């Protein structure tokens, strides 16, 4: 992903999403500084993106194959 000239790996993107989720879970969705009220990203969207990134990382680790961690055993009855 390219964010204004900054290339992030999938793992780095996941780390940023996790940091954002943690900030909301600890500090709340909204906060106020003086007269300014600030709202953080939508938590449900962050969870959705987290899931997507985790699936992408799992796919990358399995050499990109759909069934990368599946093994088949054949038992012959004789």
N, C-alpha and C. Protein backbone atom coordinates (compact mmCIF):
# COMPACT_ATOMS: atom_id res chain seq x y z
N UNK A 1 0.85 -1.17 0.00
CA UNK A 1 0.00 0.00 0.00
C UNK A 1 0.89 1.23 0.00
N UNK A 2 0.53 2.22 -0.81
CA UNK A 2 1.30 3.46 -0.91
C UNK A 2 0.47 4.59 -0.31
N UNK A 3 0.95 5.16 0.78
CA UNK A 3 0.27 6.26 1.44
C UNK A 3 1.09 7.52 1.31
N UNK A 4 0.90 8.24 0.21
CA UNK A 4 1.63 9.48 0.02
C UNK A 4 3.13 9.26 -0.08
N UNK A 5 3.53 8.24 -0.83
CA UNK A 5 4.95 7.97 -1.00
C UNK A 5 5.53 7.04 0.04
N UNK A 6 4.72 6.61 1.01
CA UNK A 6 5.19 5.68 2.04
C UNK A 6 4.64 4.30 1.70
N UNK A 7 5.53 3.37 1.42
CA UNK A 7 5.10 2.01 1.11
C UNK A 7 5.11 1.19 2.39
N UNK A 8 3.97 0.60 2.69
CA UNK A 8 3.85 -0.22 3.90
C UNK A 8 3.62 -1.67 3.51
N UNK A 9 4.29 -2.57 4.21
CA UNK A 9 4.03 -3.98 4.00
C UNK A 9 2.68 -4.32 4.63
N UNK A 10 2.18 -5.49 4.29
CA UNK A 10 0.92 -5.94 4.88
C UNK A 10 1.04 -6.03 6.40
N UNK A 11 2.18 -6.50 6.87
CA UNK A 11 2.40 -6.62 8.32
C UNK A 11 2.42 -5.24 8.98
N UNK A 12 3.04 -4.26 8.33
CA UNK A 12 3.07 -2.89 8.87
C UNK A 12 1.67 -2.27 8.88
N UNK A 13 0.89 -2.55 7.84
CA UNK A 13 -0.48 -2.06 7.81
C UNK A 13 -1.28 -2.65 8.95
N UNK A 14 -1.10 -3.95 9.19
CA UNK A 14 -1.81 -4.62 10.28
C UNK A 14 -1.41 -4.01 11.62
N UNK A 15 -0.13 -3.71 11.80
CA UNK A 15 0.33 -3.10 13.04
C UNK A 15 -0.33 -1.74 13.26
N UNK A 16 -0.45 -0.95 12.21
CA UNK A 16 -1.10 0.36 12.33
C UNK A 16 -2.59 0.22 12.67
N UNK A 17 -3.24 -0.75 12.04
CA UNK A 17 -4.65 -1.00 12.35
C UNK A 17 -4.80 -1.43 13.80
N UNK A 18 -3.92 -2.33 14.25
CA UNK A 18 -3.97 -2.78 15.65
C UNK A 18 -3.75 -1.62 16.61
N UNK A 19 -2.82 -0.73 16.28
CA UNK A 19 -2.58 0.45 17.12
C UNK A 19 -3.81 1.34 17.19
N UNK A 20 -4.48 1.53 16.06
CA UNK A 20 -5.68 2.36 16.03
C UNK A 20 -6.80 1.73 16.85
N UNK A 21 -6.95 0.41 16.74
CA UNK A 21 -7.97 -0.30 17.52
C UNK A 21 -7.68 -0.16 19.01
N UNK A 22 -6.43 -0.35 19.39
CA UNK A 22 -6.04 -0.22 20.80
C UNK A 22 -6.33 1.19 21.32
N UNK A 23 -6.01 2.21 20.52
CA UNK A 23 -6.25 3.59 20.94
C UNK A 23 -7.73 3.83 21.22
N UNK A 24 -8.59 3.25 20.38
CA UNK A 24 -10.04 3.43 20.58
C UNK A 24 -10.51 2.64 21.79
N UNK A 25 -10.03 1.41 21.92
CA UNK A 25 -10.47 0.57 23.05
C UNK A 25 -10.02 1.15 24.39
N UNK A 26 -8.87 1.78 24.42
CA UNK A 26 -8.37 2.36 25.68
C UNK A 26 -8.91 3.76 25.90
N UNK A 27 -8.86 4.59 24.86
CA UNK A 27 -9.19 6.00 25.04
C UNK A 27 -10.57 6.42 24.57
N UNK A 28 -11.31 5.53 23.94
CA UNK A 28 -12.65 5.87 23.49
C UNK A 28 -12.69 6.31 22.02
N UNK A 29 -13.88 6.31 21.48
CA UNK A 29 -14.10 6.66 20.08
C UNK A 29 -13.93 8.16 19.83
N UNK A 30 -14.35 8.95 20.79
CA UNK A 30 -14.26 10.41 20.65
C UNK A 30 -13.57 11.00 21.88
N UNK A 31 -12.93 12.13 21.65
CA UNK A 31 -12.34 12.85 22.78
C UNK A 31 -12.33 14.34 22.45
N UNK A 32 -12.12 15.12 23.49
CA UNK A 32 -12.17 16.57 23.34
C UNK A 32 -10.91 17.20 23.92
N UNK A 33 -10.37 18.15 23.16
CA UNK A 33 -9.23 18.94 23.60
C UNK A 33 -9.64 20.39 23.48
N UNK A 34 -9.83 21.02 24.61
CA UNK A 34 -10.31 22.41 24.58
C UNK A 34 -11.68 22.48 23.93
N UNK A 35 -11.80 23.30 22.90
CA UNK A 35 -13.08 23.43 22.19
C UNK A 35 -13.22 22.43 21.05
N UNK A 36 -12.18 21.68 20.78
CA UNK A 36 -12.20 20.76 19.64
C UNK A 36 -12.62 19.37 20.07
N UNK A 37 -13.55 18.80 19.32
CA UNK A 37 -14.00 17.43 19.56
C UNK A 37 -13.49 16.59 18.39
N UNK A 38 -12.77 15.54 18.72
CA UNK A 38 -12.19 14.68 17.69
C UNK A 38 -12.77 13.28 17.76
N UNK A 39 -13.02 12.71 16.59
CA UNK A 39 -13.56 11.36 16.52
C UNK A 39 -12.58 10.48 15.76
N UNK A 40 -12.25 9.35 16.35
CA UNK A 40 -11.34 8.40 15.72
C UNK A 40 -12.09 7.58 14.67
N UNK A 41 -11.33 6.79 13.94
CA UNK A 41 -11.91 5.95 12.88
C UNK A 41 -12.98 5.03 13.44
N UNK A 42 -13.87 4.61 12.57
CA UNK A 42 -14.96 3.71 12.93
C UNK A 42 -14.38 2.35 13.32
N UNK A 43 -14.66 1.92 14.52
CA UNK A 43 -14.09 0.68 15.05
C UNK A 43 -14.50 -0.54 14.21
N UNK A 44 -15.73 -0.59 13.74
CA UNK A 44 -16.17 -1.74 12.94
C UNK A 44 -15.39 -1.82 11.62
N UNK A 45 -15.07 -0.68 11.03
CA UNK A 45 -14.27 -0.68 9.80
C UNK A 45 -12.84 -1.13 10.08
N UNK A 46 -12.31 -0.73 11.23
CA UNK A 46 -10.96 -1.16 11.60
C UNK A 46 -10.91 -2.67 11.82
N UNK A 47 -11.93 -3.22 12.48
CA UNK A 47 -11.98 -4.68 12.68
C UNK A 47 -12.08 -5.40 11.34
N UNK A 48 -12.86 -4.85 10.42
CA UNK A 48 -13.01 -5.45 9.10
C UNK A 48 -11.68 -5.45 8.35
N UNK A 49 -10.98 -4.32 8.38
CA UNK A 49 -9.68 -4.22 7.70
C UNK A 49 -8.65 -5.14 8.37
N UNK A 50 -8.71 -5.25 9.70
CA UNK A 50 -7.81 -6.14 10.42
C UNK A 50 -8.00 -7.58 9.94
N UNK A 51 -9.23 -7.99 9.82
CA UNK A 51 -9.53 -9.35 9.36
C UNK A 51 -9.00 -9.57 7.95
N UNK A 52 -9.20 -8.59 7.06
CA UNK A 52 -8.72 -8.69 5.68
C UNK A 52 -7.20 -8.83 5.65
N UNK A 53 -6.51 -8.02 6.43
CA UNK A 53 -5.05 -8.06 6.45
C UNK A 53 -4.54 -9.37 7.02
N UNK A 54 -5.18 -9.88 8.06
CA UNK A 54 -4.77 -11.15 8.65
C UNK A 54 -4.95 -12.29 7.64
N UNK A 55 -6.04 -12.24 6.86
CA UNK A 55 -6.25 -13.25 5.83
C UNK A 55 -5.20 -13.13 4.73
N UNK A 56 -4.86 -11.91 4.37
CA UNK A 56 -3.84 -11.68 3.35
C UNK A 56 -2.48 -12.21 3.80
N UNK A 57 -2.14 -11.96 5.05
CA UNK A 57 -0.87 -12.45 5.60
C UNK A 57 -0.86 -13.97 5.61
N UNK A 58 -1.97 -14.58 5.99
CA UNK A 58 -2.05 -16.05 6.00
C UNK A 58 -1.88 -16.60 4.59
N UNK A 59 -2.46 -15.94 3.61
CA UNK A 59 -2.32 -16.36 2.21
C UNK A 59 -0.88 -16.22 1.74
N UNK A 60 -0.25 -15.11 2.11
CA UNK A 60 1.15 -14.90 1.73
C UNK A 60 2.06 -15.97 2.34
N UNK A 61 1.77 -16.36 3.57
CA UNK A 61 2.59 -17.37 4.24
C UNK A 61 2.38 -18.76 3.65
N UNK A 62 1.24 -18.96 3.00
CA UNK A 62 0.95 -20.26 2.41
C UNK A 62 1.29 -20.28 0.92
N UNK A 63 2.24 -19.45 0.52
CA UNK A 63 2.71 -19.37 -0.87
C UNK A 63 1.61 -18.95 -1.85
N UNK A 64 0.58 -18.29 -1.35
CA UNK A 64 -0.46 -17.78 -2.22
C UNK A 64 -1.48 -18.81 -2.67
N UNK A 65 -1.33 -20.03 -2.24
CA UNK A 65 -2.29 -21.05 -2.64
C UNK A 65 -3.48 -21.03 -1.70
N UNK A 66 -4.62 -21.36 -2.23
CA UNK A 66 -5.85 -21.32 -1.44
C UNK A 66 -5.81 -22.32 -0.29
N UNK A 67 -5.26 -23.48 -0.56
CA UNK A 67 -5.23 -24.54 0.45
C UNK A 67 -3.80 -24.82 0.89
N UNK A 68 -3.08 -23.77 1.21
CA UNK A 68 -1.66 -23.89 1.53
C UNK A 68 -1.35 -24.74 2.74
N UNK A 69 -2.25 -24.83 3.70
CA UNK A 69 -1.98 -25.60 4.92
C UNK A 69 -2.77 -26.90 4.97
N UNK A 70 -3.22 -27.37 3.81
CA UNK A 70 -4.03 -28.59 3.77
C UNK A 70 -3.17 -29.75 3.28
N UNK A 71 -3.27 -30.87 3.96
CA UNK A 71 -2.56 -32.07 3.56
C UNK A 71 -3.58 -33.17 3.32
N UNK A 72 -3.30 -34.01 2.38
CA UNK A 72 -4.20 -35.10 2.03
C UNK A 72 -3.51 -36.42 2.35
N UNK A 73 -4.24 -37.29 3.00
CA UNK A 73 -3.74 -38.64 3.31
C UNK A 73 -4.68 -39.65 2.69
N UNK A 74 -4.13 -40.66 2.07
CA UNK A 74 -4.94 -41.72 1.48
C UNK A 74 -4.66 -43.01 2.23
N UNK A 75 -5.72 -43.64 2.70
CA UNK A 75 -5.60 -44.90 3.42
C UNK A 75 -6.18 -45.99 2.55
N UNK A 76 -5.36 -46.95 2.21
CA UNK A 76 -5.76 -48.03 1.32
C UNK A 76 -6.13 -49.26 2.16
N UNK A 77 -7.35 -49.73 1.99
CA UNK A 77 -7.78 -50.92 2.74
C UNK A 77 -7.38 -52.16 1.94
N UNK A 78 -6.60 -53.00 2.53
CA UNK A 78 -6.17 -54.24 1.85
C UNK A 78 -6.43 -55.40 2.74
